[in-house]
């Protein structure tokens, strides 16, 4: 699939703006093979080969003429474009990392070249991408009319690399990962009910307790899809996570099954087919609850461009599995009771945000008298919150190490 934009000097993103503000996971590498500057008499071409597709945006500035390309985000290690085009076309190039996580390439143009076309092509087999830009020489007056206001751009995005003497902006303090806690149900959807106790109330109380534990430890920032007894659609929960620039999504539940006596904590991951009949029942039940407010999510869960979604999922799926493994390990080490099959899968709509690892945690089952007693016990819920915090820290440590290896 190809993302093609031919309009001049506008923001070029192969995904909605919300995605551009959110990490896609592993950083794309610029590949030496396939990356090149080319020049014709009145034309200039630039091909940037990447290990995976990325959102990008183009701008031109006058005095002197420059083409500026920002990427979210790429690693330029080992790539030098400086000597690949005649000075009549490109006098110099500069590239590097910006403090907001984006990367920038600046071409000092030897003449007024205006963008004619732009496209990103993705190899369906390897997942690699090529951003291809084609520019044509125009009169200086035409170039200056289409160039952007550099002073306004600097106020919004900084001056890093725009001129030979400009340096990258000072590095910001490391950003803490954001955990989005999603207390299930709420409002018109009370969830499971036993003896006058509502699932929506239990998981909201627990989410607040887990938030307090995580914030006290200081390793994560925390957001919540709801902090009151109110209805939030499944689609709205995903949108809230993206608005908070969440790095991790945890949906909290304490359901009940109509038959059998399931007990213990279960971690659910997204699966095309439910891993057993219980998972299928719970997924259907949660999705149907969303439609109580007249919201039918069928066909509406693909919120990012399809061309990037499969690539993002290739990165996110193993990270989500690592999250589930860490959660089970952390809960087990803390002596918390786990279901006999602690990791399962289901077609839960709320887990379909492919740009962040997501899991649904059934803290216990209200249909189990023992679990229901635990869920109402403040000492047990505190122990569970501390165990989950331990597990999240374990996952974060492992995931960071894996991402660092992938960048190399």
Protein backbone atom coordinates (compact mmCIF):
# COMPACT_ATOMS: atom_id res chain seq x y z
CA UNK A 1 0.00 0.00 0.00
CA UNK A 2 1.16 3.55 -0.70
CA UNK A 3 0.58 6.83 1.08
CA UNK A 4 0.79 9.53 -1.60
CA UNK A 5 0.58 13.29 -1.05
CA UNK A 6 1.27 15.71 -3.88
CA UNK A 7 0.08 19.00 -2.38
CA UNK A 8 2.92 21.36 -1.57
CA UNK A 9 4.49 21.99 1.82
CA UNK A 10 1.73 20.70 4.04
CA UNK A 11 1.97 18.31 6.95
CA UNK A 12 2.51 14.86 5.44
CA UNK A 13 1.42 12.06 7.73
CA UNK A 14 0.64 8.49 6.80
CA UNK A 15 -1.57 8.31 9.90
CA UNK A 16 -3.83 10.68 11.84
CA UNK A 17 -2.27 13.40 13.97
CA UNK A 18 -2.95 11.44 17.14
CA UNK A 19 -0.59 8.77 15.95
CA UNK A 20 2.09 11.29 15.14
CA UNK A 21 2.08 12.29 18.80
CA UNK A 22 2.45 8.74 19.98
CA UNK A 23 5.46 6.52 19.81
CA UNK A 24 5.21 3.80 17.20
CA UNK A 25 7.55 1.55 19.19
CA UNK A 26 10.90 0.61 17.64
CA UNK A 27 12.74 3.43 15.88
CA UNK A 28 13.02 3.08 12.10
CA UNK A 29 16.55 2.85 10.68
CA UNK A 30 17.62 4.67 7.53
CA UNK A 31 19.04 2.04 5.18
CA UNK A 32 22.15 2.96 3.22
CA UNK A 33 21.08 0.77 0.32
CA UNK A 34 18.25 2.56 -1.44
CA UNK A 35 18.91 5.98 0.12
CA UNK A 36 20.14 8.51 -2.42
CA UNK A 37 20.07 12.09 -3.67
CA UNK A 38 19.82 12.52 -7.43
CA UNK A 39 19.94 15.54 -9.71
CA UNK A 40 18.83 16.37 -13.22
CA UNK A 41 19.15 19.64 -15.06
CA UNK A 42 16.08 21.17 -13.40
CA UNK A 43 15.10 18.36 -11.03
CA UNK A 44 16.11 16.98 -7.68
CA UNK A 45 15.17 13.59 -6.26
CA UNK A 46 15.53 12.14 -2.78
CA UNK A 47 14.85 8.53 -1.81
CA UNK A 48 15.06 7.54 1.86
CA UNK A 49 14.98 3.80 2.50
CA UNK A 50 13.66 2.81 5.94
CA UNK A 51 13.44 -0.36 7.99
CA UNK A 52 9.73 0.43 8.53
CA UNK A 53 7.33 3.20 7.43
CA UNK A 54 7.05 6.35 9.54
CA UNK A 55 4.90 9.50 9.61
CA UNK A 56 6.74 12.47 8.10
CA UNK A 57 6.15 16.12 7.16
CA UNK A 58 7.77 18.53 4.70
CA UNK A 59 8.38 22.27 4.75
CA UNK A 60 10.40 24.77 2.71
CA UNK A 61 11.98 28.01 3.90
CA UNK A 62 13.50 30.90 1.98
CA UNK A 63 16.59 33.06 2.62
CA UNK A 64 18.35 30.74 2.01
CA UNK A 65 16.22 28.11 0.24
CA UNK A 66 15.90 24.95 2.32
CA UNK A 67 13.87 21.76 2.38
CA UNK A 68 13.13 20.48 5.91
CA UNK A 69 11.79 16.98 6.54
CA UNK A 70 10.74 15.83 10.02
CA UNK A 71 10.22 12.12 10.72
CA UNK A 72 8.60 10.29 13.62
CA UNK A 73 11.22 8.92 14.05
CA UNK A 74 14.39 7.60 12.35
CA UNK A 75 17.99 6.68 13.20
CA UNK A 76 20.51 8.23 10.78
CA UNK A 77 23.53 6.19 11.97
CA UNK A 78 25.94 5.48 9.11
CA UNK A 79 24.11 7.59 6.51
CA UNK A 80 25.66 10.68 4.90
CA UNK A 81 23.86 12.42 2.04
CA UNK A 82 26.29 15.35 1.86
CA UNK A 83 28.28 14.39 -1.24
CA UNK A 84 25.54 12.83 -3.37
CA UNK A 85 24.25 15.87 -5.30
CA UNK A 86 26.03 18.75 -7.08
CA UNK A 87 26.34 22.00 -5.14
CA UNK A 88 24.25 23.69 -7.79
CA UNK A 89 21.35 21.65 -6.40
CA UNK A 90 22.22 20.87 -2.77
CA UNK A 91 24.92 22.84 -0.96
CA UNK A 92 24.81 20.96 2.34
CA UNK A 93 22.75 18.53 4.40
CA UNK A 94 22.24 18.17 8.15
CA UNK A 95 20.32 15.59 10.11
CA UNK A 96 19.79 14.53 13.71
CA UNK A 97 17.39 13.89 16.56
CA UNK A 98 15.04 16.50 18.03
CA UNK A 99 14.17 16.76 21.69
CA UNK A 100 10.50 15.83 21.12
CA UNK A 101 11.33 12.39 19.71
CA UNK A 102 11.15 13.40 16.04
CA UNK A 103 14.14 13.41 13.65
CA UNK A 104 15.04 16.10 11.14
CA UNK A 105 16.78 16.29 7.76
CA UNK A 106 17.64 19.70 6.29
CA UNK A 107 18.76 20.24 2.69
CA UNK A 108 20.36 23.62 1.92
CA UNK A 109 19.25 24.06 -1.68
CA UNK A 110 21.54 25.57 -4.32
CA UNK A 111 18.53 26.83 -6.27
CA UNK A 112 14.78 27.26 -5.64
CA UNK A 113 13.44 23.71 -5.99
CA UNK A 114 9.77 23.14 -5.22
CA UNK A 115 8.19 19.83 -4.21
CA UNK A 116 6.42 18.13 -7.12
CA UNK A 117 5.45 14.82 -5.53
CA UNK A 118 5.88 12.72 -2.40
CA UNK A 119 5.06 9.12 -1.64
CA UNK A 120 5.92 6.38 0.82
CA UNK A 121 6.06 2.86 -0.62
CA UNK A 122 6.00 -0.21 1.62
CA UNK A 123 7.31 -3.63 0.68
CA UNK A 124 4.56 -6.06 1.76
CA UNK A 125 7.07 -8.87 2.33
CA UNK A 126 9.86 -7.16 4.27
CA UNK A 127 7.88 -4.29 5.81
CA UNK A 128 10.61 -1.89 4.66
CA UNK A 129 9.62 1.48 3.20
CA UNK A 130 10.96 4.11 0.81
CA UNK A 131 10.01 7.78 1.02
CA UNK A 132 10.42 9.26 -2.46
CA UNK A 133 10.47 13.02 -3.03
CA UNK A 134 10.65 14.71 -6.41
CA UNK A 135 11.38 18.44 -6.76
CA UNK A 136 11.44 20.77 -9.75
CA UNK A 137 13.26 24.04 -10.24
CA UNK A 138 10.99 27.12 -10.18
CA UNK A 139 11.41 30.86 -10.26
CA UNK A 140 12.63 32.37 -6.99
CA UNK A 141 9.43 34.43 -6.64
CA UNK A 142 7.26 31.30 -6.90
CA UNK A 143 9.44 29.49 -4.37
CA UNK A 144 9.27 32.36 -1.88
CA UNK A 145 5.47 32.54 -2.18
CA UNK A 146 5.12 28.89 -1.19
CA UNK A 147 7.80 28.89 1.52
CA UNK A 148 6.67 28.91 5.14
CA UNK A 149 7.30 31.58 7.77
CA UNK A 150 10.50 30.47 9.49
CA UNK A 151 9.97 32.63 12.59
CA UNK A 152 6.59 31.03 13.29
CA UNK A 153 8.03 27.55 12.71
CA UNK A 154 10.90 28.20 15.14
CA UNK A 155 8.45 29.30 17.83
CA UNK A 156 6.51 26.06 17.42
CA UNK A 157 9.23 23.52 16.63
CA UNK A 158 12.60 25.05 17.50
CA UNK A 159 15.54 26.00 15.31
CA UNK A 160 17.47 22.73 15.50
CA UNK A 161 19.47 22.04 12.31
CA UNK A 162 17.73 24.81 10.32
CA UNK A 163 21.04 26.64 9.80
CA UNK A 164 24.63 25.35 9.83
CA UNK A 165 25.31 27.09 13.15
CA UNK A 166 22.11 25.92 14.86
CA UNK A 167 22.42 23.09 17.35
CA UNK A 168 19.83 20.60 18.57
CA UNK A 169 17.55 21.85 21.31
CA UNK A 170 18.62 20.92 24.83
CA UNK A 171 17.47 17.47 25.80
CA UNK A 172 14.37 17.39 27.94
CA UNK A 173 14.08 15.41 31.14
CA UNK A 174 13.27 11.77 30.37
CA UNK A 175 9.56 11.25 29.92
CA UNK A 176 7.95 8.75 32.24
CA UNK A 177 5.92 6.04 30.52
CA UNK A 178 2.18 6.68 30.77
CA UNK A 179 -0.04 3.84 31.96
CA UNK A 180 -3.70 4.16 31.00
CA UNK A 181 -5.90 2.39 33.55
CA UNK A 182 -9.31 1.48 32.21
CA UNK A 183 -11.87 0.55 34.89
CA UNK A 184 -14.42 -1.46 32.95
CA UNK A 185 -18.12 -0.68 32.64
CA UNK A 186 -19.68 2.30 34.49
CA UNK A 187 -22.81 4.42 34.29
CA UNK A 188 -25.61 2.63 32.45
CA UNK A 189 -23.41 -0.48 32.30
CA UNK A 190 -22.84 -1.80 35.84
CA UNK A 191 -21.04 -4.94 34.69
CA UNK A 192 -21.46 -8.11 36.73
CA UNK A 193 -23.54 -7.90 39.91
CA UNK A 194 -23.53 -10.15 42.97
CA UNK A 195 -25.29 -9.52 46.27
CA UNK A 196 -25.85 -5.88 45.43
CA UNK A 197 -22.19 -5.37 44.49
CA UNK A 198 -21.41 -3.97 41.04
CA UNK A 199 -18.33 -4.80 39.03
CA UNK A 200 -18.13 -1.19 37.82
CA UNK A 201 -17.70 0.03 41.41
CA UNK A 202 -15.15 -2.63 42.37
CA UNK A 203 -12.83 -1.98 39.43
CA UNK A 204 -13.07 1.81 39.76
CA UNK A 205 -12.05 1.59 43.42
CA UNK A 206 -9.19 -0.72 42.52
CA UNK A 207 -8.01 1.49 39.63
CA UNK A 208 -7.76 4.45 42.01
CA UNK A 209 -5.74 2.34 44.44
CA UNK A 210 -3.41 1.09 41.70
CA UNK A 211 -2.97 4.65 40.42
CA UNK A 212 -1.92 5.78 43.90
CA UNK A 213 0.61 2.95 44.20
CA UNK A 214 2.13 3.64 40.77
CA UNK A 215 2.39 7.39 41.30
CA UNK A 216 3.91 6.93 44.75
CA UNK A 217 6.67 4.74 43.30
CA UNK A 218 7.45 7.37 40.66
CA UNK A 219 8.29 5.14 37.69
CA UNK A 220 5.12 5.84 35.69
CA UNK A 221 2.62 8.57 35.03
CA UNK A 222 -0.98 7.37 35.19
CA UNK A 223 -4.19 8.33 33.42
CA UNK A 224 -7.66 6.79 33.70
CA UNK A 225 -10.41 6.37 31.14
CA UNK A 226 -12.95 7.19 33.84
CA UNK A 227 -12.72 8.40 37.44
CA UNK A 228 -16.44 8.37 38.22
CA UNK A 229 -19.47 6.15 37.75
CA UNK A 230 -19.98 7.13 34.14
CA UNK A 231 -20.33 5.31 30.85
CA UNK A 232 -17.38 5.46 28.43
CA UNK A 233 -17.66 3.66 25.11
CA UNK A 234 -15.02 1.13 24.15
CA UNK A 235 -14.00 3.35 21.28
CA UNK A 236 -13.88 6.31 23.67
CA UNK A 237 -11.54 4.42 25.99
CA UNK A 238 -9.05 3.91 23.17
CA UNK A 239 -9.35 7.56 22.15
CA UNK A 240 -8.69 8.60 25.75
CA UNK A 241 -5.54 6.49 25.82
CA UNK A 242 -4.24 8.11 22.65
CA UNK A 243 -5.13 11.59 23.91
CA UNK A 244 -3.03 10.87 27.02
CA UNK A 245 -0.19 9.61 24.82
CA UNK A 246 -0.34 6.36 26.77
CA UNK A 247 2.45 3.84 26.40
CA UNK A 248 0.48 1.02 27.97
CA UNK A 249 -3.22 0.18 28.30
CA UNK A 250 -4.65 -1.96 31.12
CA UNK A 251 -8.38 -2.68 31.19
CA UNK A 252 -9.55 -3.82 34.63
CA UNK A 253 -12.49 -6.17 35.19
CA UNK A 254 -13.95 -8.54 37.76
CA UNK A 255 -16.55 -10.42 35.78
CA UNK A 256 -18.85 -13.35 36.43
CA UNK A 257 -19.44 -16.46 34.38
CA UNK A 258 -22.86 -18.07 34.05
CA UNK A 259 -21.54 -21.60 34.39
CA UNK A 260 -18.59 -23.22 36.12
CA UNK A 261 -16.52 -21.75 38.89
CA UNK A 262 -13.63 -19.82 37.33
CA UNK A 263 -11.33 -18.37 39.96
CA UNK A 264 -8.08 -16.45 40.10
CA UNK A 265 -6.61 -13.65 37.99
CA UNK A 266 -6.53 -13.95 34.20
CA UNK A 267 -4.60 -11.80 31.72
CA UNK A 268 -6.31 -11.49 28.34
CA UNK A 269 -4.55 -10.42 25.15
CA UNK A 270 -6.15 -9.59 21.82
CA UNK A 271 -6.81 -12.67 19.73
CA UNK A 272 -8.69 -13.19 16.49
CA UNK A 273 -10.35 -16.18 18.10
CA UNK A 274 -11.10 -16.50 21.80
CA UNK A 275 -8.82 -18.96 23.57
CA UNK A 276 -11.76 -20.73 25.22
CA UNK A 277 -15.51 -20.46 25.65
CA UNK A 278 -15.18 -18.24 28.73
CA UNK A 279 -13.04 -15.70 26.87
CA UNK A 280 -15.52 -15.70 23.99
CA UNK A 281 -18.40 -15.08 26.38
CA UNK A 282 -16.62 -12.23 28.16
CA UNK A 283 -15.54 -10.54 24.92
CA UNK A 284 -19.07 -10.72 23.53
CA UNK A 285 -20.51 -9.42 26.78
CA UNK A 286 -18.15 -6.44 26.97
CA UNK A 287 -18.73 -5.48 23.35
CA UNK A 288 -22.51 -5.80 23.69
CA UNK A 289 -22.41 -3.55 26.75
CA UNK A 290 -20.88 -0.83 24.59
CA UNK A 291 -23.85 -0.97 22.26
CA UNK A 292 -26.22 -0.20 25.14
CA UNK A 293 -25.50 3.46 24.44
CA UNK A 294 -26.17 3.03 20.74
CA UNK A 295 -22.50 2.77 19.76
CA UNK A 296 -21.82 0.04 17.23
CA UNK A 297 -18.07 -0.38 16.85
CA UNK A 298 -18.24 -2.83 13.97
CA UNK A 299 -15.66 -1.78 11.39
CA UNK A 300 -14.64 1.27 13.43
CA UNK A 301 -11.67 0.03 15.41
CA UNK A 302 -9.02 0.68 12.74
CA UNK A 303 -8.16 4.25 13.77
CA UNK A 304 -4.76 4.55 12.18
CA UNK A 305 -3.79 4.29 8.57
CA UNK A 306 -3.89 0.69 7.38
CA UNK A 307 -0.47 1.05 5.85
CA UNK A 308 1.07 1.59 9.29
CA UNK A 309 -1.26 -0.56 11.36
CA UNK A 310 0.19 -3.93 10.40
CA UNK A 311 3.72 -2.67 10.97
CA UNK A 312 2.78 -1.27 14.37
CA UNK A 313 1.10 -4.54 15.35
CA UNK A 314 4.22 -6.54 14.43
CA UNK A 315 6.04 -4.47 17.03
CA UNK A 316 3.24 -4.27 19.58
CA UNK A 317 2.08 -7.90 19.68
CA UNK A 318 5.31 -9.34 21.15
CA UNK A 319 5.49 -6.42 23.57
CA UNK A 320 1.96 -7.20 24.75
CA UNK A 321 2.90 -10.85 25.18
CA UNK A 322 5.93 -9.75 27.20
CA UNK A 323 3.59 -7.63 29.32
CA UNK A 324 1.33 -10.61 30.00
CA UNK A 325 4.32 -12.77 30.93
CA UNK A 326 5.61 -10.10 33.34
CA UNK A 327 2.19 -9.67 34.93
CA UNK A 328 1.84 -13.39 35.57
CA UNK A 329 5.39 -13.61 36.89
CA UNK A 330 4.91 -10.62 39.19
CA UNK A 331 1.59 -11.85 40.56
CA UNK A 332 2.98 -15.33 41.07
CA UNK A 333 6.03 -14.02 42.94
CA UNK A 334 3.71 -12.04 45.21
CA UNK A 335 1.67 -15.15 46.01
CA UNK A 336 -1.50 -13.89 44.30
CA UNK A 337 -3.84 -16.61 43.11
CA UNK A 338 -3.87 -17.09 39.34
CA UNK A 339 -6.32 -18.89 37.10
CA UNK A 340 -5.14 -22.34 36.00
CA UNK A 341 -4.64 -20.79 32.54
CA UNK A 342 -3.43 -17.31 33.49
CA UNK A 343 -2.86 -15.98 29.96
CA UNK A 344 -5.69 -16.22 27.44
CA UNK A 345 -6.88 -14.36 24.38
CA UNK A 346 -10.16 -12.88 23.28
CA UNK A 347 -11.59 -10.58 20.64
CA UNK A 348 -11.91 -7.63 23.02
CA UNK A 349 -12.53 -4.40 21.14
CA UNK A 350 -10.90 -2.37 23.91
CA UNK A 351 -7.56 -4.13 23.21
CA UNK A 352 -7.47 -3.23 19.52
CA UNK A 353 -5.23 -0.18 19.80
CA UNK A 354 -2.31 -1.60 17.85
CA UNK A 355 0.06 1.27 18.66
CA UNK A 356 0.40 0.41 22.36
CA UNK A 357 0.69 -2.86 24.32
CA UNK A 358 -2.71 -3.64 25.85
CA UNK A 359 -4.06 -6.24 28.22
CA UNK A 360 -7.36 -6.92 29.96
CA UNK A 361 -6.98 -8.07 33.56
CA UNK A 362 -9.76 -10.05 35.18
CA UNK A 363 -8.75 -9.42 38.77
CA UNK A 364 -11.03 -12.22 39.85
CA UNK A 365 -14.52 -13.53 39.20
CA UNK A 366 -17.50 -12.29 41.16
CA UNK A 367 -19.14 -15.65 40.44
CA UNK A 368 -16.52 -17.20 42.76
CA UNK A 369 -17.34 -16.61 46.46
CA UNK A 370 -13.64 -16.72 47.29
CA UNK A 371 -12.71 -14.18 44.61
CA UNK A 372 -15.59 -11.92 45.58
CA UNK A 373 -14.39 -11.94 49.19
CA UNK A 374 -10.87 -10.98 48.03
CA UNK A 375 -12.15 -8.21 45.77
CA UNK A 376 -13.93 -6.64 48.75
CA UNK A 377 -10.90 -6.98 51.07
CA UNK A 378 -8.78 -3.75 51.27
CA UNK A 379 -5.69 -5.71 52.30
CA UNK A 380 -6.03 -8.02 49.31
CA UNK A 381 -6.59 -5.19 46.83
CA UNK A 382 -3.54 -3.35 48.17
CA UNK A 383 -1.44 -6.50 47.80
CA UNK A 384 -2.76 -6.92 44.25
CA UNK A 385 -1.96 -3.28 43.40
CA UNK A 386 1.59 -3.62 44.75
CA UNK A 387 2.08 -6.88 42.83
CA UNK A 388 0.86 -5.31 39.58
CA UNK A 389 3.17 -2.34 40.13
CA UNK A 390 6.10 -4.74 40.60
CA UNK A 391 5.11 -6.55 37.42
CA UNK A 392 4.83 -3.33 35.39
CA UNK A 393 8.28 -2.22 36.53
CA UNK A 394 9.65 -5.64 35.55
CA UNK A 395 8.04 -5.37 32.12
CA UNK A 396 9.28 -1.82 31.60
CA UNK A 397 12.85 -2.84 32.40
CA UNK A 398 12.73 -5.78 29.99
CA UNK A 399 10.90 -3.89 27.26
CA UNK A 400 13.34 -0.98 27.37
CA UNK A 401 16.29 -3.38 27.01
CA UNK A 402 14.65 -5.09 24.03
CA UNK A 403 13.86 -1.79 22.31
CA UNK A 404 17.46 -0.64 22.79
CA UNK A 405 18.71 -3.84 21.14
CA UNK A 406 16.34 -3.34 18.23
CA UNK A 407 17.56 0.22 17.67
CA UNK A 408 21.13 -1.07 17.35
